Amino acid sequence: MAKKDLYEIKDGKISRKRKHCPKCGEGVFLAEHKNRTTCGSCGYTEFKK
């Protein structure tokens, strides 16, 4: 996936489409999987309900 697909422009401002990793901070996105979201850098995982 290209980085341009992670952002969108609304009313002249840039907004992020995905969540950031709470451990790594801003700029590190969580990957979307079927049943979870994970960080590729530190391995942080959130399971979907």
N, C-alpha and C. Protein backbone atom coordinates (compact mmCIF):
# COMPACT_ATOMS: atom_id res chain seq x y z
N MET A 1 0.84 -1.17 0.00
CA MET A 1 0.00 0.00 0.00
C MET A 1 0.89 1.24 0.00
N ALA A 2 0.52 2.20 -0.79
CA ALA A 2 1.29 3.44 -0.88
C ALA A 2 0.94 4.36 0.29
N LYS A 3 1.89 5.19 0.68
CA LYS A 3 1.67 6.11 1.80
C LYS A 3 0.55 7.10 1.50
N LYS A 4 0.37 7.43 0.23
CA LYS A 4 -0.68 8.38 -0.13
C LYS A 4 -2.07 7.83 0.17
N ASP A 5 -2.20 6.51 0.27
CA ASP A 5 -3.49 5.89 0.58
C ASP A 5 -3.83 5.95 2.07
N LEU A 6 -2.87 6.34 2.91
CA LEU A 6 -3.10 6.40 4.35
C LEU A 6 -3.64 7.75 4.80
N TYR A 7 -3.68 8.73 3.88
CA TYR A 7 -4.13 10.08 4.20
C TYR A 7 -5.26 10.50 3.27
N GLU A 8 -6.06 11.48 3.70
CA GLU A 8 -7.06 12.09 2.84
C GLU A 8 -7.17 13.57 3.18
N ILE A 9 -7.63 14.36 2.23
CA ILE A 9 -7.75 15.80 2.44
C ILE A 9 -9.22 16.15 2.60
N LYS A 10 -9.54 16.80 3.72
CA LYS A 10 -10.90 17.26 4.00
C LYS A 10 -10.85 18.73 4.37
N ASP A 11 -11.58 19.54 3.67
CA ASP A 11 -11.66 20.98 3.94
C ASP A 11 -10.28 21.63 3.99
N GLY A 12 -9.38 21.20 3.12
CA GLY A 12 -8.05 21.78 3.07
C GLY A 12 -7.10 21.30 4.15
N LYS A 13 -7.49 20.31 4.94
CA LYS A 13 -6.63 19.77 6.00
C LYS A 13 -6.39 18.29 5.76
N ILE A 14 -5.22 17.82 6.16
CA ILE A 14 -4.86 16.42 5.99
C ILE A 14 -5.35 15.63 7.20
N SER A 15 -6.03 14.51 6.95
CA SER A 15 -6.45 13.63 8.04
C SER A 15 -5.92 12.23 7.77
N ARG A 16 -5.65 11.51 8.83
CA ARG A 16 -5.11 10.16 8.72
C ARG A 16 -6.26 9.16 8.73
N LYS A 17 -6.14 8.12 7.91
CA LYS A 17 -7.20 7.12 7.83
C LYS A 17 -7.02 6.00 8.85
N ARG A 18 -5.80 5.74 9.27
CA ARG A 18 -5.53 4.65 10.20
C ARG A 18 -5.03 5.16 11.53
N LYS A 19 -5.13 4.29 12.54
CA LYS A 19 -4.67 4.63 13.88
C LYS A 19 -3.15 4.54 13.96
N HIS A 20 -2.58 5.27 14.91
CA HIS A 20 -1.15 5.20 15.19
C HIS A 20 -0.90 4.20 16.30
N CYS A 21 0.29 3.68 16.35
CA CYS A 21 0.69 2.76 17.41
C CYS A 21 0.85 3.55 18.71
N PRO A 22 0.20 3.11 19.80
CA PRO A 22 0.34 3.83 21.07
C PRO A 22 1.74 3.71 21.69
N LYS A 23 2.49 2.67 21.35
CA LYS A 23 3.84 2.50 21.88
C LYS A 23 4.87 3.28 21.07
N CYS A 24 4.77 3.22 19.75
CA CYS A 24 5.76 3.86 18.88
C CYS A 24 5.48 5.35 18.66
N GLY A 25 4.23 5.75 18.73
CA GLY A 25 3.88 7.16 18.58
C GLY A 25 3.45 7.53 17.17
N GLU A 26 3.42 8.85 16.93
CA GLU A 26 2.97 9.39 15.65
C GLU A 26 3.86 8.92 14.51
N GLY A 27 3.25 8.65 13.37
CA GLY A 27 4.01 8.27 12.19
C GLY A 27 4.13 6.77 11.96
N VAL A 28 3.80 5.96 12.96
CA VAL A 28 3.83 4.50 12.80
C VAL A 28 2.39 4.03 12.83
N PHE A 29 1.90 3.57 11.68
CA PHE A 29 0.51 3.16 11.56
C PHE A 29 0.32 1.70 11.97
N LEU A 30 -0.89 1.37 12.41
CA LEU A 30 -1.25 -0.01 12.69
C LEU A 30 -1.80 -0.64 11.41
N ALA A 31 -1.35 -1.84 11.11
CA ALA A 31 -1.80 -2.56 9.92
C ALA A 31 -3.18 -3.17 10.19
N GLU A 32 -4.05 -3.12 9.20
CA GLU A 32 -5.40 -3.67 9.32
C GLU A 32 -5.41 -5.11 8.81
N HIS A 33 -5.79 -6.04 9.68
CA HIS A 33 -5.96 -7.44 9.31
C HIS A 33 -7.43 -7.81 9.53
N LYS A 34 -7.79 -9.02 9.19
CA LYS A 34 -9.19 -9.46 9.28
C LYS A 34 -9.71 -9.41 10.72
N ASN A 35 -8.91 -9.88 11.68
CA ASN A 35 -9.38 -9.97 13.06
C ASN A 35 -8.55 -9.16 14.05
N ARG A 36 -7.60 -8.33 13.57
CA ARG A 36 -6.74 -7.58 14.47
C ARG A 36 -6.09 -6.40 13.75
N THR A 37 -5.50 -5.51 14.54
CA THR A 37 -4.63 -4.47 14.01
C THR A 37 -3.29 -4.62 14.71
N THR A 38 -2.20 -4.54 13.94
CA THR A 38 -0.88 -4.77 14.51
C THR A 38 0.11 -3.71 14.06
N CYS A 39 1.15 -3.54 14.87
CA CYS A 39 2.26 -2.65 14.55
C CYS A 39 3.40 -3.51 14.03
N GLY A 40 3.91 -3.16 12.86
CA GLY A 40 5.01 -3.91 12.27
C GLY A 40 6.34 -3.61 12.92
N SER A 41 6.42 -2.51 13.64
CA SER A 41 7.68 -2.10 14.25
C SER A 41 7.91 -2.78 15.60
N CYS A 42 6.92 -2.70 16.51
CA CYS A 42 7.11 -3.22 17.86
C CYS A 42 6.30 -4.49 18.14
N GLY A 43 5.32 -4.82 17.30
CA GLY A 43 4.52 -6.02 17.50
C GLY A 43 3.26 -5.82 18.31
N TYR A 44 2.93 -4.56 18.66
CA TYR A 44 1.71 -4.26 19.40
C TYR A 44 0.49 -4.76 18.62
N THR A 45 -0.47 -5.41 19.29
CA THR A 45 -1.64 -5.99 18.64
C THR A 45 -2.91 -5.63 19.40
N GLU A 46 -3.95 -5.25 18.65
CA GLU A 46 -5.29 -5.04 19.18
C GLU A 46 -6.21 -5.99 18.43
N PHE A 47 -6.96 -6.82 19.14
CA PHE A 47 -7.88 -7.75 18.52
C PHE A 47 -9.25 -7.10 18.35
N LYS A 48 -9.88 -7.36 17.21
CA LYS A 48 -11.21 -6.82 16.93
C LYS A 48 -12.25 -7.75 17.55
N LYS A 49 -13.38 -7.18 17.91
CA LYS A 49 -14.45 -7.97 18.52
C LYS A 49 -15.36 -8.54 17.50
